[in-house]
């Protein structure tokens, strides 16, 4: 590899052509994004042989509602590792609530394009918002927690999901450990049938950060319980 210093009038395509490397490799290795601006004096790393350049492995997840347009779904799936179907709810007793529309086609399409269909579990109340009382009721009840876990195992096996994504937000601080225990329970049940479990976490900046998005989640405990976690850094975009 070598370094090229950008001059006046240079473009990505011109530089790529001069060094006989694919423009997409040049922009990727230098983290240049559309519309590919260059600054005079900017240093670019030129791969000596594009064939020797390996992209790092990445896990790409996308959330989608069952009312997604089928054409958009098919255009997107080739780029996804996982398709998280949004979403399944539950009652205070631990009974599972299916999405309003049939999600079968999403599961089938995901497998067709080599992506894993994931069941997203959310604690939505009747108003369609995250409901921490619903979370509290289930995670603090041995019976409701067991019922919901059993229902998840049944639907995952029945519909062919590859696993579960637990997306609980605004958890009460008093439910922190009970929520971790619930994730352990679901993850162990999923692993017993060869399925995966992930958990969505708000992006916090310190261990003692205050707020409903943070105090009810034990980040280390959840990271140990689940197969992997999703840090919802898009939460920063709202604030």
Protein backbone atom coordinates (compact mmCIF):
# COMPACT_ATOMS: atom_id res chain seq x y z
CA UNK A 1 0.00 0.00 0.00
CA UNK A 2 1.02 3.63 -0.44
CA UNK A 3 -0.17 7.13 0.38
CA UNK A 4 -1.54 9.58 -2.18
CA UNK A 5 -1.93 13.29 -1.34
CA UNK A 6 -4.95 14.90 -2.98
CA UNK A 7 -4.29 17.77 -5.41
CA UNK A 8 -6.62 20.42 -6.84
CA UNK A 9 -9.11 18.92 -9.29
CA UNK A 10 -8.70 15.32 -8.10
CA UNK A 11 -11.71 13.03 -7.91
CA UNK A 12 -12.10 9.56 -6.45
CA UNK A 13 -12.66 8.06 -9.90
CA UNK A 14 -9.53 9.70 -11.32
CA UNK A 15 -7.33 8.49 -8.47
CA UNK A 16 -8.81 4.97 -8.60
CA UNK A 17 -8.22 4.79 -12.34
CA UNK A 18 -4.66 6.06 -12.02
CA UNK A 19 -3.79 3.38 -9.48
CA UNK A 20 -5.97 0.73 -11.14
CA UNK A 21 -7.97 -0.04 -8.02
CA UNK A 22 -11.77 -0.20 -7.72
CA UNK A 23 -13.24 3.12 -6.64
CA UNK A 24 -15.42 1.37 -4.07
CA UNK A 25 -12.34 -0.13 -2.41
CA UNK A 26 -10.64 3.26 -2.35
CA UNK A 27 -13.63 4.94 -0.71
CA UNK A 28 -14.18 2.06 1.73
CA UNK A 29 -10.62 1.82 3.02
CA UNK A 30 -10.48 5.62 3.46
CA UNK A 31 -14.03 5.88 4.86
CA UNK A 32 -15.15 8.43 2.26
CA UNK A 33 -18.91 8.61 1.89
CA UNK A 34 -21.17 9.91 -0.88
CA UNK A 35 -20.89 12.40 -2.51
CA UNK A 36 -17.18 11.52 -1.98
CA UNK A 37 -15.68 14.94 -1.19
CA UNK A 38 -11.89 15.34 -1.28
CA UNK A 39 -9.79 18.11 0.27
CA UNK A 40 -6.52 19.41 -1.16
CA UNK A 41 -3.72 17.94 0.93
CA UNK A 42 -5.83 15.03 2.15
CA UNK A 43 -3.88 11.76 2.47
CA UNK A 44 -5.46 8.66 0.95
CA UNK A 45 -4.35 5.10 1.58
CA UNK A 46 -4.03 3.28 -1.75
CA UNK A 47 -4.35 -0.51 -1.53
CA UNK A 48 -1.44 -2.14 -3.33
CA UNK A 49 -3.61 -4.98 -4.52
CA UNK A 50 -7.37 -4.69 -4.16
CA UNK A 51 -7.63 -8.48 -4.13
CA UNK A 52 -5.57 -8.56 -0.92
CA UNK A 53 -7.88 -6.13 0.85
CA UNK A 54 -10.40 -7.90 3.07
CA UNK A 55 -13.45 -6.20 4.46
CA UNK A 56 -13.98 -6.80 8.18
CA UNK A 57 -16.93 -8.98 9.13
CA UNK A 58 -20.10 -7.03 9.95
CA UNK A 59 -23.46 -8.08 11.32
CA UNK A 60 -26.22 -6.08 9.60
CA UNK A 61 -29.67 -5.98 11.18
CA UNK A 62 -32.83 -4.31 9.94
CA UNK A 63 -36.18 -3.82 11.66
CA UNK A 64 -39.34 -4.06 9.54
CA UNK A 65 -43.09 -4.05 10.10
CA UNK A 66 -45.27 -6.72 8.44
CA UNK A 67 -46.82 -4.02 6.27
CA UNK A 68 -43.48 -3.43 4.53
CA UNK A 69 -43.69 -3.29 0.74
CA UNK A 70 -42.56 -6.65 -0.64
CA UNK A 71 -40.40 -5.01 -3.33
CA UNK A 72 -38.53 -2.95 -0.72
CA UNK A 73 -38.08 -6.06 1.41
CA UNK A 74 -36.56 -8.01 -1.49
CA UNK A 75 -34.28 -5.12 -2.42
CA UNK A 76 -32.96 -4.85 1.14
CA UNK A 77 -32.63 -8.47 2.28
CA UNK A 78 -29.47 -9.28 0.26
CA UNK A 79 -27.59 -6.80 2.46
CA UNK A 80 -28.90 -8.06 5.82
CA UNK A 81 -27.62 -10.66 8.24
CA UNK A 82 -30.88 -10.54 10.16
CA UNK A 83 -34.40 -9.24 9.62
CA UNK A 84 -36.09 -8.28 12.90
CA UNK A 85 -39.87 -8.48 12.50
CA UNK A 86 -41.51 -5.69 14.52
CA UNK A 87 -43.21 -6.74 16.65
CA UNK A 88 -44.79 -9.24 19.04
CA UNK A 89 -46.40 -8.04 22.27
CA UNK A 90 -47.58 -9.78 25.40
CA UNK A 91 -50.18 -9.60 28.15
CA UNK A 92 -49.55 -9.20 31.90
CA UNK A 93 -50.16 -12.95 32.23
CA UNK A 94 -47.42 -13.77 29.71
CA UNK A 95 -49.54 -14.62 26.68
CA UNK A 96 -47.99 -13.64 23.36
CA UNK A 97 -49.72 -11.13 21.05
CA UNK A 98 -49.08 -11.58 17.32
CA UNK A 99 -48.48 -8.63 14.96
CA UNK A 100 -51.63 -7.13 13.46
CA UNK A 101 -50.66 -8.49 10.03
CA UNK A 102 -49.37 -11.91 8.98
CA UNK A 103 -45.56 -12.07 9.10
CA UNK A 104 -45.12 -15.43 7.33
CA UNK A 105 -43.96 -13.89 4.05
CA UNK A 106 -41.20 -11.97 5.86
CA UNK A 107 -39.82 -15.15 7.39
CA UNK A 108 -39.90 -16.95 4.05
CA UNK A 109 -38.31 -14.04 2.17
CA UNK A 110 -35.55 -13.71 4.78
CA UNK A 111 -34.48 -17.32 4.37
CA UNK A 112 -34.73 -17.04 0.58
CA UNK A 113 -32.13 -14.26 0.63
CA UNK A 114 -29.91 -15.85 3.26
CA UNK A 115 -30.93 -13.62 6.19
CA UNK A 116 -32.14 -14.78 9.60
CA UNK A 117 -35.71 -13.82 10.56
CA UNK A 118 -35.84 -12.62 14.17
CA UNK A 119 -38.94 -12.21 16.34
CA UNK A 120 -38.87 -8.80 18.06
CA UNK A 121 -40.55 -8.77 21.47
CA UNK A 122 -41.83 -5.39 22.71
CA UNK A 123 -43.84 -4.37 25.81
CA UNK A 124 -46.36 -2.11 24.09
CA UNK A 125 -49.45 -1.05 25.99
CA UNK A 126 -52.87 -0.40 24.48
CA UNK A 127 -51.71 3.11 23.50
CA UNK A 128 -48.92 1.66 21.36
CA UNK A 129 -46.19 2.99 23.67
CA UNK A 130 -43.57 1.17 25.74
CA UNK A 131 -45.25 0.25 29.02
CA UNK A 132 -43.00 -0.26 32.04
CA UNK A 133 -45.90 -1.45 34.20
CA UNK A 134 -46.38 -4.31 31.72
CA UNK A 135 -42.65 -5.09 31.96
CA UNK A 136 -42.82 -4.96 35.77
CA UNK A 137 -45.80 -7.29 35.90
CA UNK A 138 -44.16 -9.98 33.79
CA UNK A 139 -40.53 -9.93 34.95
CA UNK A 140 -41.56 -9.87 38.63
CA UNK A 141 -43.90 -12.84 38.20
CA UNK A 142 -42.44 -16.34 37.99
CA UNK A 143 -45.62 -17.63 36.38
CA UNK A 144 -45.97 -14.85 33.77
CA UNK A 145 -42.26 -15.00 32.93
CA UNK A 146 -42.42 -18.77 32.44
CA UNK A 147 -45.60 -18.45 30.35
CA UNK A 148 -44.06 -15.86 28.04
CA UNK A 149 -40.86 -17.86 27.61
CA UNK A 150 -42.83 -20.98 26.73
CA UNK A 151 -44.96 -19.01 24.27
CA UNK A 152 -41.82 -17.64 22.59
CA UNK A 153 -40.35 -21.13 22.20
CA UNK A 154 -43.62 -22.36 20.70
CA UNK A 155 -44.01 -19.55 18.15
CA UNK A 156 -40.33 -19.58 17.17
CA UNK A 157 -40.53 -23.30 16.45
CA UNK A 158 -43.93 -23.03 14.77
CA UNK A 159 -43.07 -20.19 12.41
CA UNK A 160 -39.40 -20.95 11.90
CA UNK A 161 -37.85 -17.87 13.45
CA UNK A 162 -34.09 -17.99 14.03
CA UNK A 163 -34.35 -16.31 17.41
CA UNK A 164 -35.70 -13.48 19.54
CA UNK A 165 -34.73 -9.82 19.97
CA UNK A 166 -35.88 -8.41 23.32
CA UNK A 167 -36.57 -4.71 22.88
CA UNK A 168 -37.74 -3.42 26.28
CA UNK A 169 -37.39 0.29 27.02
CA UNK A 170 -38.14 2.55 30.01
CA UNK A 171 -37.60 -0.29 32.48
CA UNK A 172 -38.00 0.75 36.12
CA UNK A 173 -34.82 0.76 38.22
CA UNK A 174 -36.48 -1.66 40.65
CA UNK A 175 -36.91 -4.18 37.80
CA UNK A 176 -33.24 -4.15 36.76
CA UNK A 177 -32.25 -7.56 38.13
CA UNK A 178 -35.61 -9.17 37.36
CA UNK A 179 -35.26 -8.07 33.73
CA UNK A 180 -31.77 -9.56 33.54
CA UNK A 181 -33.13 -12.82 34.95
CA UNK A 182 -35.90 -12.78 32.33
CA UNK A 183 -33.37 -12.35 29.51
CA UNK A 184 -31.33 -15.24 30.95
CA UNK A 185 -34.46 -17.39 30.98
CA UNK A 186 -35.39 -16.60 27.38
CA UNK A 187 -31.81 -16.97 26.13
CA UNK A 188 -31.35 -20.37 27.81
CA UNK A 189 -34.66 -21.56 26.37
CA UNK A 190 -33.67 -20.36 22.89
CA UNK A 191 -30.22 -21.94 23.10
CA UNK A 192 -31.81 -25.25 24.07
CA UNK A 193 -33.56 -25.32 20.68
CA UNK A 194 -30.65 -23.93 18.69
CA UNK A 195 -31.94 -20.35 18.44
CA UNK A 196 -30.33 -17.01 19.30
CA UNK A 197 -31.28 -14.17 21.64
CA UNK A 198 -30.36 -10.51 21.43
CA UNK A 199 -31.30 -7.58 23.63
CA UNK A 200 -31.57 -3.92 22.63
CA UNK A 201 -29.80 -1.40 24.87
CA UNK A 202 -29.97 2.38 24.93
CA UNK A 203 -26.50 3.95 24.46
CA UNK A 204 -25.32 5.17 27.83
CA UNK A 205 -22.07 6.99 28.61
CA UNK A 206 -21.43 5.97 32.21
CA UNK A 207 -22.30 3.16 34.60
CA UNK A 208 -24.29 5.45 36.91
CA UNK A 209 -26.15 7.36 34.20
CA UNK A 210 -29.62 8.39 35.33
CA UNK A 211 -32.86 8.11 33.37
CA UNK A 212 -35.55 5.58 32.46
CA UNK A 213 -33.58 4.37 29.44
CA UNK A 214 -30.61 3.33 31.57
CA UNK A 215 -31.27 2.61 35.23
CA UNK A 216 -33.36 -0.50 34.61
CA UNK A 217 -30.69 -2.28 32.57
CA UNK A 218 -27.61 -4.10 33.86
CA UNK A 219 -25.41 -3.82 30.79
CA UNK A 220 -22.85 -6.37 31.92
CA UNK A 221 -25.48 -8.82 33.11
CA UNK A 222 -27.47 -8.53 29.89
CA UNK A 223 -24.33 -8.89 27.81
CA UNK A 224 -23.56 -12.14 29.63
CA UNK A 225 -27.11 -13.43 29.32
CA UNK A 226 -27.81 -12.75 25.64
CA UNK A 227 -25.90 -14.04 22.65
CA UNK A 228 -25.30 -10.45 21.61
CA UNK A 229 -26.62 -6.95 22.26
CA UNK A 230 -27.74 -4.15 19.99
CA UNK A 231 -26.71 -0.65 21.10
CA UNK A 232 -29.45 1.69 19.89
CA UNK A 233 -27.18 4.64 19.13
CA UNK A 234 -29.97 6.15 17.04
CA UNK A 235 -31.50 7.18 20.37
CA UNK A 236 -28.96 10.05 20.38
CA UNK A 237 -30.58 11.39 17.24
CA UNK A 238 -33.79 12.23 19.11
CA UNK A 239 -32.04 14.39 21.71
